[in-house]
Amino acid sequence: MAQAKKESHNQKEWELRIYVAGETDRSKAAIKNLQKVCDEHLKGRYHIEVIDLTKHPEMAAEEQIFAVPTVVRKLPEPLKKLIGDLSATEKVLIGLDIKPKKPAGR
């Protein structure tokens, strides 16, 4: 799986990891949905690392991952986890404690 990376050292940095099991449609959808939320609400302030547990099964135990896909917010602290395909944007924003970007003109 490819990694998505956006960095800026001048702003608050978000470090996210998404754990998947292979290149399934569900895994691909979760990665795409996470990327979309980050592009829209954290533009230029995030880094997403994709961990494929079929290639790194030891990471499931180390990180206490019991279901996939799971996204883990490493930074900013505190650590947060969210399970699922991340298709419900509002739930992703709430679950990862991302402040929604205000629409232009408001």
PDB file of N, CA and C in Angstrom:
ATOM      1  N   MET A   1       0.834  -1.179   0.000  1.00  0.00           N
ATOM      2  CA  MET A   1       0.000   0.000   0.000  1.00  0.00           C
ATOM      3  C   MET A   1       0.882   1.246   0.000  1.00  0.00           C
ATOM      4  N   ALA A   2       0.411   2.244  -0.657  1.00  0.00           N
ATOM      5  CA  ALA A   2       1.161   3.493  -0.742  1.00  0.00           C
ATOM      6  C   ALA A   2       0.947   4.322   0.511  1.00  0.00           C
ATOM      7  N   GLN A   3       1.847   5.226   0.746  1.00  0.00           N
ATOM      8  CA  GLN A   3       1.716   6.148   1.866  1.00  0.00           C
ATOM      9  C   GLN A   3       1.300   7.513   1.348  1.00  0.00           C
ATOM     10  N   ALA A   4       0.461   8.180   2.122  1.00  0.00           N
ATOM     11  CA  ALA A   4       0.105   9.560   1.811  1.00  0.00           C
ATOM     12  C   ALA A   4       0.825  10.433   2.819  1.00  0.00           C
ATOM     13  N   LYS A   5       1.398  11.515   2.353  1.00  0.00           N
ATOM     14  CA  LYS A   5       2.191  12.337   3.261  1.00  0.00           C
ATOM     15  C   LYS A   5       1.995  13.800   2.941  1.00  0.00           C
ATOM     16  N   LYS A   6       1.657  14.549   3.981  1.00  0.00           N
ATOM     17  CA  LYS A   6       1.552  15.997   3.869  1.00  0.00           C
ATOM     18  C   LYS A   6       2.209  16.558   5.118  1.00  0.00           C
ATOM     19  N   GLU A   7       3.135  17.474   4.951  1.00  0.00           N
ATOM     20  CA  GLU A   7       3.830  18.000   6.113  1.00  0.00           C
ATOM     21  C   GLU A   7       3.984  19.501   6.059  1.00  0.00           C
ATOM     22  N   SER A   8       3.947  20.107   7.210  1.00  0.00           N
ATOM     23  CA  SER A   8       4.269  21.510   7.390  1.00  0.00           C
ATOM     24  C   SER A   8       4.779  21.658   8.807  1.00  0.00           C
ATOM     25  N   HIS A   9       5.959  22.190   8.965  1.00  0.00           N
ATOM     26  CA  HIS A   9       6.550  22.293  10.295  1.00  0.00           C
ATOM     27  C   HIS A   9       6.109  23.558  11.025  1.00  0.00           C
ATOM     28  N   ASN A  10       5.397  24.445  10.350  1.00  0.00           N
ATOM     29  CA  ASN A  10       4.965  25.689  10.970  1.00  0.00           C
ATOM     30  C   ASN A  10       3.614  25.568  11.656  1.00  0.00           C
ATOM     31  N   GLN A  11       2.867  24.517  11.373  1.00  0.00           N
ATOM     32  CA  GLN A  11       1.532  24.361  11.926  1.00  0.00           C
ATOM     33  C   GLN A  11       1.458  23.084  12.748  1.00  0.00           C
ATOM     34  N   LYS A  12       0.356  22.964  13.485  1.00  0.00           N
ATOM     35  CA  LYS A  12       0.094  21.770  14.276  1.00  0.00           C
ATOM     36  C   LYS A  12       0.132  20.541  13.366  1.00  0.00           C
ATOM     37  N   GLU A  13       0.851  19.529  13.772  1.00  0.00           N
ATOM     38  CA  GLU A  13       1.048  18.336  12.955  1.00  0.00           C
ATOM     39  C   GLU A  13       0.128  17.203  13.416  1.00  0.00           C
ATOM     40  N   TRP A  14      -0.521  16.573  12.491  1.00  0.00           N
ATOM     41  CA  TRP A  14      -1.370  15.412  12.764  1.00  0.00           C
ATOM     42  C   TRP A  14      -0.667  14.184  12.212  1.00  0.00           C
ATOM     43  N   GLU A  15      -0.456  13.196  13.061  1.00  0.00           N
ATOM     44  CA  GLU A  15       0.136  11.931  12.624  1.00  0.00           C
ATOM     45  C   GLU A  15      -0.898  10.842  12.797  1.00  0.00           C
ATOM     46  N   LEU A  16      -1.250  10.230  11.670  1.00  0.00           N
ATOM     47  CA  LEU A  16      -2.277   9.193  11.651  1.00  0.00           C
ATOM     48  C   LEU A  16      -1.708   7.920  11.061  1.00  0.00           C
ATOM     49  N   ARG A  17      -2.147   6.801  11.607  1.00  0.00           N
ATOM     50  CA  ARG A  17      -1.811   5.492  11.049  1.00  0.00           C
ATOM     51  C   ARG A  17      -3.098   4.777  10.747  1.00  0.00           C
ATOM     52  N   ILE A  18      -3.161   4.155   9.587  1.00  0.00           N
ATOM     53  CA  ILE A  18      -4.321   3.352   9.268  1.00  0.00           C
ATOM     54  C   ILE A  18      -3.854   1.916   9.060  1.00  0.00           C
ATOM     55  N   TYR A  19      -4.474   1.012   9.800  1.00  0.00           N
ATOM     56  CA  TYR A  19      -4.146  -0.412   9.746  1.00  0.00           C
ATOM     57  C   TYR A  19      -5.183  -1.101   8.873  1.00  0.00           C
ATOM     58  N   VAL A  20      -4.696  -1.846   7.879  1.00  0.00           N
ATOM     59  CA  VAL A  20      -5.558  -2.566   6.955  1.00  0.00           C
ATOM     60  C   VAL A  20      -5.046  -4.002   6.831  1.00  0.00           C
ATOM     61  N   ALA A  21      -5.865  -4.846   6.211  1.00  0.00           N
ATOM     62  CA  ALA A  21      -5.460  -6.239   5.966  1.00  0.00           C
ATOM     63  C   ALA A  21      -5.523  -6.498   4.471  1.00  0.00           C
ATOM     64  N   GLY A  22      -4.428  -6.228   3.805  1.00  0.00           N
ATOM     65  CA  GLY A  22      -4.355  -6.443   2.368  1.00  0.00           C
ATOM     66  C   GLY A  22      -4.966  -5.296   1.584  1.00  0.00           C
ATOM     67  N   GLU A  23      -4.998  -5.484   0.266  1.00  0.00           N
ATOM     68  CA  GLU A  23      -5.513  -4.437  -0.622  1.00  0.00           C
ATOM     69  C   GLU A  23      -6.947  -4.752  -1.034  1.00  0.00           C
ATOM     70  N   THR A  24      -7.804  -4.917  -0.032  1.00  0.00           N
ATOM     71  CA  THR A  24      -9.214  -5.203  -0.281  1.00  0.00           C
ATOM     72  C   THR A  24      -9.954  -3.921  -0.623  1.00  0.00           C
ATOM     73  N   ASP A  25     -11.171  -4.079  -1.145  1.00  0.00           N
ATOM     74  CA  ASP A  25     -11.988  -2.903  -1.448  1.00  0.00           C
ATOM     75  C   ASP A  25     -12.249  -2.094  -0.177  1.00  0.00           C
ATOM     76  N   ARG A  26     -12.488  -2.784   0.938  1.00  0.00           N
ATOM     77  CA  ARG A  26     -12.755  -2.106   2.219  1.00  0.00           C
ATOM     78  C   ARG A  26     -11.522  -1.313   2.667  1.00  0.00           C
ATOM     79  N   SER A  27     -10.346  -1.906   2.525  1.00  0.00           N
ATOM     80  CA  SER A  27      -9.107  -1.222   2.895  1.00  0.00           C
ATOM     81  C   SER A  27      -8.892   0.011   2.028  1.00  0.00           C
ATOM     82  N   LYS A  28      -9.061  -0.161   0.731  1.00  0.00           N
ATOM     83  CA  LYS A  28      -8.876   0.958  -0.196  1.00  0.00           C
ATOM     84  C   LYS A  28      -9.871   2.081   0.086  1.00  0.00           C
ATOM     85  N   ALA A  29     -11.115   1.716   0.380  1.00  0.00           N
ATOM     86  CA  ALA A  29     -12.138   2.726   0.677  1.00  0.00           C
ATOM     87  C   ALA A  29     -11.789   3.496   1.948  1.00  0.00           C
ATOM     88  N   ALA A  30     -11.328   2.792   2.972  1.00  0.00           N
ATOM     89  CA  ALA A  30     -10.974   3.453   4.237  1.00  0.00           C
ATOM     90  C   ALA A  30      -9.828   4.433   4.034  1.00  0.00           C
ATOM     91  N   ILE A  31      -8.816   4.032   3.280  1.00  0.00           N
ATOM     92  CA  ILE A  31      -7.674   4.913   3.011  1.00  0.00           C
ATOM     93  C   ILE A  31      -8.136   6.141   2.231  1.00  0.00           C
ATOM     94  N   LYS A  32      -8.939   5.916   1.213  1.00  0.00           N
ATOM     95  CA  LYS A  32      -9.447   7.021   0.390  1.00  0.00           C
ATOM     96  C   LYS A  32     -10.298   7.969   1.232  1.00  0.00           C
ATOM     97  N   ASN A  33     -11.162   7.422   2.079  1.00  0.00           N
ATOM     98  CA  ASN A  33     -12.025   8.256   2.914  1.00  0.00           C
ATOM     99  C   ASN A  33     -11.212   9.067   3.925  1.00  0.00           C
ATOM    100  N   LEU A  34     -10.192   8.460   4.519  1.00  0.00           N
ATOM    101  CA  LEU A  34      -9.337   9.178   5.462  1.00  0.00           C
ATOM    102  C   LEU A  34      -8.588  10.295   4.748  1.00  0.00           C
ATOM    103  N   GLN A  35      -8.057  10.000   3.568  1.00  0.00           N
ATOM    104  CA  GLN A  35      -7.336  11.000   2.772  1.00  0.00           C
ATOM    105  C   GLN A  35      -8.244  12.187   2.450  1.00  0.00           C
ATOM    106  N   LYS A  36      -9.487  11.898   2.088  1.00  0.00           N
ATOM    107  CA  LYS A  36     -10.439  12.953   1.736  1.00  0.00           C
ATOM    108  C   LYS A  36     -10.724  13.854   2.942  1.00  0.00           C
ATOM    109  N   VAL A  37     -10.973  13.265   4.098  1.00  0.00           N
ATOM    110  CA  VAL A  37     -11.235  14.052   5.311  1.00  0.00           C
ATOM    111  C   VAL A  37     -10.020  14.914   5.649  1.00  0.00           C
ATOM    112  N   CYS A  38      -8.836  14.327   5.585  1.00  0.00           N
ATOM    113  CA  CYS A  38      -7.616  15.077   5.907  1.00  0.00           C
ATOM    114  C   CYS A  38      -7.371  16.200   4.916  1.00  0.00           C
ATOM    115  N   ASP A  39      -7.553  15.938   3.627  1.00  0.00           N
ATOM    116  CA  ASP A  39      -7.361  16.981   2.615  1.00  0.00           C
ATOM    117  C   ASP A  39      -8.316  18.145   2.843  1.00  0.00           C
ATOM    118  N   GLU A  40      -9.530  17.822   3.246  1.00  0.00           N
ATOM    119  CA  GLU A  40     -10.546  18.855   3.427  1.00  0.00           C
ATOM    120  C   GLU A  40     -10.379  19.639   4.725  1.00  0.00           C
ATOM    121  N   HIS A  41      -9.998  18.960   5.810  1.00  0.00           N
ATOM    122  CA  HIS A  41     -10.006  19.599   7.130  1.00  0.00           C
ATOM    123  C   HIS A  41      -8.627  19.816   7.755  1.00  0.00           C
ATOM    124  N   LEU A  42      -7.598  19.159   7.241  1.00  0.00           N
ATOM    125  CA  LEU A  42      -6.241  19.286   7.808  1.00  0.00           C
ATOM    126  C   LEU A  42      -5.214  19.614   6.739  1.00  0.00           C
ATOM    127  N   LYS A  43      -5.623  20.202   5.669  1.00  0.00           N
ATOM    128  CA  LYS A  43      -4.761  20.427   4.502  1.00  0.00           C
ATOM    129  C   LYS A  43      -3.369  20.913   4.892  1.00  0.00           C
ATOM    130  N   GLY A  44      -2.367  20.137   4.478  1.00  0.00           N
ATOM    131  CA  GLY A  44      -0.982  20.513   4.705  1.00  0.00           C
ATOM    132  C   GLY A  44      -0.469  20.297   6.123  1.00  0.00           C
ATOM    133  N   ARG A  45      -1.291  19.694   6.998  1.00  0.00           N
ATOM    134  CA  ARG A  45      -0.886  19.555   8.399  1.00  0.00           C
ATOM    135  C   ARG A  45      -0.924  18.102   8.878  1.00  0.00           C
ATOM    136  N   TYR A  46      -0.811  17.158   7.956  1.00  0.00           N
ATOM    137  CA  TYR A  46      -0.945  15.767   8.383  1.00  0.00           C
ATOM    138  C   TYR A  46       0.002  14.831   7.642  1.00  0.00           C
ATOM    139  N   HIS A  47       0.138  13.668   8.262  1.00  0.00           N
ATOM    140  CA  HIS A  47       0.918  12.567   7.683  1.00  0.00           C
ATOM    141  C   HIS A  47       0.120  11.299   7.943  1.00  0.00           C
ATOM    142  N   ILE A  48      -0.138  10.531   6.905  1.00  0.00           N
ATOM    143  CA  ILE A  48      -0.842   9.251   7.046  1.00  0.00           C
ATOM    144  C   ILE A  48       0.133   8.133   6.724  1.00  0.00           C
ATOM    145  N   GLU A  49       0.254   7.192   7.645  1.00  0.00           N
ATOM    146  CA  GLU A  49       1.065   5.999   7.415  1.00  0.00           C
ATOM    147  C   GLU A  49       0.122   4.809   7.297  1.00  0.00           C
ATOM    148  N   VAL A  50       0.260   4.053   6.222  1.00  0.00           N
ATOM    149  CA  VAL A  50      -0.574   2.881   5.988  1.00  0.00           C
ATOM    150  C   VAL A  50       0.203   1.638   6.426  1.00  0.00           C
ATOM    151  N   ILE A  51      -0.392   0.858   7.329  1.00  0.00           N
ATOM    152  CA  ILE A  51       0.229  -0.373   7.804  1.00  0.00           C
ATOM    153  C   ILE A  51      -0.636  -1.537   7.351  1.00  0.00           C
ATOM    154  N   ASP A  52      -0.073  -2.400   6.518  1.00  0.00           N
ATOM    155  CA  ASP A  52      -0.770  -3.597   6.044  1.00  0.00           C
ATOM    156  C   ASP A  52      -0.418  -4.744   6.988  1.00  0.00           C
ATOM    157  N   LEU A  53      -1.409  -5.187   7.755  1.00  0.00           N
ATOM    158  CA  LEU A  53      -1.158  -6.216   8.759  1.00  0.00           C
ATOM    159  C   LEU A  53      -0.909  -7.599   8.155  1.00  0.00           C
ATOM    160  N   THR A  54      -1.200  -7.779   6.860  1.00  0.00           N
ATOM    161  CA  THR A  54      -0.831  -9.049   6.230  1.00  0.00           C
ATOM    162  C   THR A  54       0.676  -9.107   6.000  1.00  0.00           C
ATOM    163  N   LYS A  55       1.313  -7.944   5.920  1.00  0.00           N
ATOM    164  CA  LYS A  55       2.763  -7.867   5.744  1.00  0.00           C
ATOM    165  C   LYS A  55       3.492  -7.663   7.066  1.00  0.00           C
ATOM    166  N   HIS A  56       2.806  -7.082   8.050  1.00  0.00           N
ATOM    167  CA  HIS A  56       3.402  -6.791   9.363  1.00  0.00           C
ATOM    168  C   HIS A  56       2.453  -7.236  10.477  1.00  0.00           C
ATOM    169  N   PRO A  57       2.175  -8.544  10.593  1.00  0.00           N
ATOM    170  CA  PRO A  57       1.196  -9.014  11.579  1.00  0.00           C
ATOM    171  C   PRO A  57       1.590  -8.724  13.029  1.00  0.00           C
ATOM    172  N   GLU A  58       2.860  -8.588  13.295  1.00  0.00           N
ATOM    173  CA  GLU A  58       3.324  -8.305  14.660  1.00  0.00           C
ATOM    174  C   GLU A  58       2.825  -6.950  15.155  1.00  0.00           C
ATOM    175  N   MET A  59       2.535  -6.043  14.238  1.00  0.00           N
ATOM    176  CA  MET A  59       2.083  -4.702  14.618  1.00  0.00           C
ATOM    177  C   MET A  59       0.680  -4.731  15.229  1.00  0.00           C
ATOM    178  N   ALA A  60      -0.116  -5.726  14.888  1.00  0.00           N
ATOM    179  CA  ALA A  60      -1.468  -5.817  15.450  1.00  0.00           C
ATOM    180  C   ALA A  60      -1.402  -5.981  16.959  1.00  0.00           C
ATOM    181  N   ALA A  61      -0.539  -6.857  17.433  1.00  0.00           N
ATOM    182  CA  ALA A  61      -0.391  -7.062  18.874  1.00  0.00           C
ATOM    183  C   ALA A  61       0.268  -5.862  19.532  1.00  0.00           C
ATOM    184  N   GLU A  62       1.314  -5.349  18.920  1.00  0.00           N
ATOM    185  CA  GLU A  62       2.038  -4.202  19.481  1.00  0.00           C
ATOM    186  C   GLU A  62       1.129  -2.996  19.666  1.00  0.00           C
ATOM    187  N   GLU A  63       0.269  -2.743  18.698  1.00  0.00           N
ATOM    188  CA  GLU A  63      -0.586  -1.550  18.719  1.00  0.00           C
ATOM    189  C   GLU A  63      -2.002  -1.844  19.205  1.00  0.00           C
ATOM    190  N   GLN A  64      -2.259  -3.091  19.619  1.00  0.00           N
ATOM    191  CA  GLN A  64      -3.574  -3.523  20.107  1.00  0.00           C
ATOM    192  C   GLN A  64      -4.677  -3.241  19.084  1.00  0.00           C
ATOM    193  N   ILE A  65      -4.446  -3.717  17.871  1.00  0.00           N
ATOM    194  CA  ILE A  65      -5.415  -3.582  16.795  1.00  0.00           C
ATOM    195  C   ILE A  65      -6.202  -4.887  16.717  1.00  0.00           C
ATOM    196  N   PHE A  66      -7.518  -4.789  16.935  1.00  0.00           N
ATOM    197  CA  PHE A  66      -8.362  -5.974  16.982  1.00  0.00           C
ATOM    198  C   PHE A  66      -9.297  -6.092  15.794  1.00  0.00           C
ATOM    199  N   ALA A  67      -9.414  -5.032  15.013  1.00  0.00           N
ATOM    200  CA  ALA A  67     -10.274  -5.029  13.835  1.00  0.00           C
ATOM    201  C   ALA A  67      -9.640  -4.125  12.789  1.00  0.00           C
ATOM    202  N   VAL A  68      -9.943  -4.398  11.525  1.00  0.00           N
ATOM    203  CA  VAL A  68      -9.435  -3.551  10.453  1.00  0.00           C
ATOM    204  C   VAL A  68     -10.579  -3.200   9.523  1.00  0.00           C
ATOM    205  N   PRO A  69     -10.510  -2.058   8.890  1.00  0.00           N
ATOM    206  CA  PRO A  69      -9.499  -1.025   9.065  1.00  0.00           C
ATOM    207  C   PRO A  69      -9.673  -0.261  10.385  1.00  0.00           C
ATOM    208  N   THR A  70      -8.539   0.129  10.952  1.00  0.00           N
ATOM    209  CA  THR A  70      -8.502   0.963  12.150  1.00  0.00           C
ATOM    210  C   THR A  70      -7.554   2.118  11.893  1.00  0.00           C
ATOM    211  N   VAL A  71      -7.992   3.318  12.227  1.00  0.00           N
ATOM    212  CA  VAL A  71      -7.111   4.480  12.151  1.00  0.00           C
ATOM    213  C   VAL A  71      -6.753   4.886  13.572  1.00  0.00           C
ATOM    214  N   VAL A  72      -5.475   5.202  13.759  1.00  0.00           N
ATOM    215  CA  VAL A  72      -4.976   5.624  15.066  1.00  0.00           C
ATOM    216  C   VAL A  72      -4.407   7.033  14.911  1.00  0.00           C
ATOM    217  N   ARG A  73      -4.887   7.929  15.759  1.00  0.00           N
ATOM    218  CA  ARG A  73      -4.333   9.282  15.796  1.00  0.00           C
ATOM    219  C   ARG A  73      -3.213   9.271  16.821  1.00  0.00           C
ATOM    220  N   LYS A  74      -1.975   9.351  16.351  1.00  0.00           N
ATOM    221  CA  LYS A  74      -0.801   9.388  17.220  1.00  0.00           C
ATOM    222  C   LYS A  74      -0.586  10.789  17.773  1.00  0.00           C
ATOM    223  N   LEU A  75      -0.659  11.784  16.888  1.00  0.00           N
ATOM    224  CA  LEU A  75      -0.524  13.184  17.272  1.00  0.00           C
ATOM    225  C   LEU A  75      -1.626  13.970  16.612  1.00  0.00           C
ATOM    226  N   PRO A  76      -2.173  14.966  17.221  1.00  0.00           N
ATOM    227  CA  PRO A  76      -1.851  15.410  18.571  1.00  0.00           C
ATOM    228  C   PRO A  76      -2.387  14.426  19.609  1.00  0.00           C
ATOM    229  N   GLU A  77      -1.726  14.418  20.760  1.00  0.00           N
ATOM    230  CA  GLU A  77      -2.175  13.557  21.843  1.00  0.00           C
ATOM    231  C   GLU A  77      -3.479  14.106  22.412  1.00  0.00           C
ATOM    232  N   PRO A  78      -4.314  13.309  23.015  1.00  0.00           N
ATOM    233  CA  PRO A  78      -4.123  11.907  23.336  1.00  0.00           C
ATOM    234  C   PRO A  78      -4.393  11.006  22.129  1.00  0.00           C
ATOM    235  N   LEU A  79      -3.870   9.803  22.206  1.00  0.00           N
ATOM    236  CA  LEU A  79      -4.062   8.806  21.173  1.00  0.00           C
ATOM    237  C   LEU A  79      -5.551   8.484  21.056  1.00  0.00           C
ATOM    238  N   LYS A  80      -6.038   8.336  19.826  1.00  0.00           N
ATOM    239  CA  LYS A  80      -7.431   7.968  19.579  1.00  0.00           C
ATOM    240  C   LYS A  80      -7.462   6.909  18.496  1.00  0.00           C
ATOM    241  N   LYS A  81      -8.460   6.001  18.578  1.00  0.00           N
ATOM    242  CA  LYS A  81      -8.629   4.953  17.569  1.00  0.00           C
ATOM    243  C   LYS A  81     -10.048   4.993  17.034  1.00  0.00           C
ATOM    244  N   LEU A  82     -10.168   4.691  15.744  1.00  0.00           N
ATOM    245  CA  LEU A  82     -11.456   4.660  15.085  1.00  0.00           C
ATOM    246  C   LEU A  82     -11.466   3.465  14.135  1.00  0.00           C
ATOM    247  N   ILE A  83     -12.504   2.657  14.232  1.00  0.00           N
ATOM    248  CA  ILE A  83     -12.606   1.431  13.432  1.00  0.00           C
ATOM    249  C   ILE A  83     -13.682   1.604  12.370  1.00  0.00           C
ATOM    250  N   GLY A  84     -13.415   1.090  11.168  1.00  0.00           N
ATOM    251  CA  GLY A  84     -14.413   1.091  10.110  1.00  0.00           C
ATOM    252  C   GLY A  84     -13.864   1.635   8.809  1.00  0.00           C
ATOM    253  N   ASP A  85     -14.763   1.770   7.825  1.00  0.00           N
ATOM    254  CA  ASP A  85     -14.319   2.219   6.500  1.00  0.00           C
ATOM    255  C   ASP A  85     -14.251   3.739   6.382  1.00  0.00           C
ATOM    256  N   LEU A  86     -14.611   4.445   7.464  1.00  0.00           N
ATOM    257  CA  LEU A  86     -14.469   5.899   7.559  1.00  0.00           C
ATOM    258  C   LEU A  86     -15.339   6.638   6.555  1.00  0.00           C
ATOM    259  N   SER A  87     -16.446   6.025   6.128  1.00  0.00           N
ATOM    260  CA  SER A  87     -17.312   6.646   5.126  1.00  0.00           C
ATOM    261  C   SER A  87     -18.224   7.720   5.713  1.00  0.00           C
ATOM    262  N   ALA A  88     -18.445   7.708   7.019  1.00  0.00           N
ATOM    263  CA  ALA A  88     -19.284   8.716   7.667  1.00  0.00           C
ATOM    264  C   ALA A  88     -18.388   9.860   8.150  1.00  0.00           C
ATOM    265  N   THR A  89     -18.259  10.884   7.329  1.00  0.00           N
ATOM    266  CA  THR A  89     -17.325  11.982   7.603  1.00  0.00           C
ATOM    267  C   THR A  89     -17.527  12.587   8.984  1.00  0.00           C
ATOM    268  N   GLU A  90     -18.760  12.835   9.367  1.00  0.00           N
ATOM    269  CA  GLU A  90     -19.026  13.458  10.668  1.00  0.00           C
ATOM    270  C   GLU A  90     -18.513  12.590  11.814  1.00  0.00           C
ATOM    271  N   LYS A  91     -18.704  11.277  11.704  1.00  0.00           N
ATOM    272  CA  LYS A  91     -18.209  10.359  12.739  1.00  0.00           C
ATOM    273  C   LYS A  91     -16.685  10.346  12.779  1.00  0.00           C
ATOM    274  N   VAL A  92     -16.040  10.457  11.632  1.00  0.00           N
ATOM    275  CA  VAL A  92     -14.576  10.508  11.570  1.00  0.00           C
ATOM    276  C   VAL A  92     -14.077  11.780  12.257  1.00  0.00           C
ATOM    277  N   LEU A  93     -14.707  12.900  11.943  1.00  0.00           N
ATOM    278  CA  LEU A  93     -14.319  14.174  12.556  1.00  0.00           C
ATOM    279  C   LEU A  93     -14.463  14.116  14.073  1.00  0.00           C
ATOM    280  N   ILE A  94     -15.572  13.577  14.549  1.00  0.00           N
ATOM    281  CA  ILE A  94     -15.810  13.477  15.992  1.00  0.00           C
ATOM    282  C   ILE A  94     -14.860  12.465  16.621  1.00  0.00           C
ATOM    283  N   GLY A  95     -14.726  11.288  15.981  1.00  0.00           N
ATOM    284  CA  GLY A  95     -13.894  10.217  16.526  1.00  0.00           C
ATOM    285  C   GLY A  95     -12.424  10.572  16.638  1.00  0.00           C
ATOM    286  N   LEU A  96     -11.926  11.363  15.691  1.00  0.00           N
ATOM    287  CA  LEU A  96     -10.518  11.760  15.710  1.00  0.00           C
ATOM    288  C   LEU A  96     -10.335  13.159  16.291  1.00  0.00           C
ATOM    289  N   ASP A  97     -11.433  13.782  16.689  1.00  0.00           N
ATOM    290  CA  ASP A  97     -11.423  15.114  17.289  1.00  0.00           C
ATOM    291  C   ASP A  97     -10.810  16.148  16.337  1.00  0.00           C
ATOM    292  N   ILE A  98     -11.259  16.103  15.084  1.00  0.00           N
ATOM    293  CA  ILE A  98     -10.832  17.062  14.070  1.00  0.00           C
ATOM    294  C   ILE A  98     -11.892  18.159  14.004  1.00  0.00           C
ATOM    295  N   LYS A  99     -11.456  19.382  14.139  1.00  0.00           N
ATOM    296  CA  LYS A  99     -12.378  20.512  14.048  1.00  0.00           C
ATOM    297  C   LYS A  99     -12.699  20.729  12.572  1.00  0.00           C
ATOM    298  N   PRO A 100     -13.997  20.676  12.215  1.00  0.00           N
ATOM    299  CA  PRO A 100     -14.369  20.866  10.815  1.00  0.00           C
ATOM    300  C   PRO A 100     -13.938  22.229  10.294  1.00  0.00           C
ATOM    301  N   LYS A 101     -13.477  22.233   9.063  1.00  0.00           N
ATOM    302  CA  LYS A 101     -13.111  23.501   8.411  1.00  0.00           C
ATOM    303  C   LYS A 101     -14.400  24.261   8.136  1.00  0.00           C
ATOM    304  N   LYS A 102     -14.398  25.526   8.462  1.00  0.00           N
ATOM    305  CA  LYS A 102     -15.589  26.349   8.244  1.00  0.00           C
ATOM    306  C   LYS A 102     -15.729  26.668   6.752  1.00  0.00           C
ATOM    307  N   PRO A 103     -16.945  26.559   6.232  1.00  0.00           N
ATOM    308  CA  PRO A 103     -17.137  26.921   4.823  1.00  0.00           C
ATOM    309  C   PRO A 103     -16.799  28.384   4.580  1.00  0.00           C
ATOM    310  N   ALA A 104     -16.342  28.706   3.377  1.00  0.00           N
ATOM    311  CA  ALA A 104     -15.981  30.090   3.028  1.00  0.00           C
ATOM    312  C   ALA A 104     -17.215  30.978   3.116  1.00  0.00           C
ATOM    313  N   GLY A 105     -17.019  32.189   3.611  1.00  0.00           N
ATOM    314  CA  GLY A 105     -18.105  33.139   3.678  1.00  0.00           C
ATOM    315  C   GLY A 105     -18.901  33.098   4.967  1.00  0.00           C
ATOM    316  N   ARG A 106     -18.483  32.294   5.926  1.00  0.00           N
ATOM    317  CA  ARG A 106     -19.190  32.222   7.214  1.00  0.00           C
ATOM    318  C   ARG A 106     -18.347  32.700   8.328  1.00  0.00           C
TER     319      ARG A 106
END
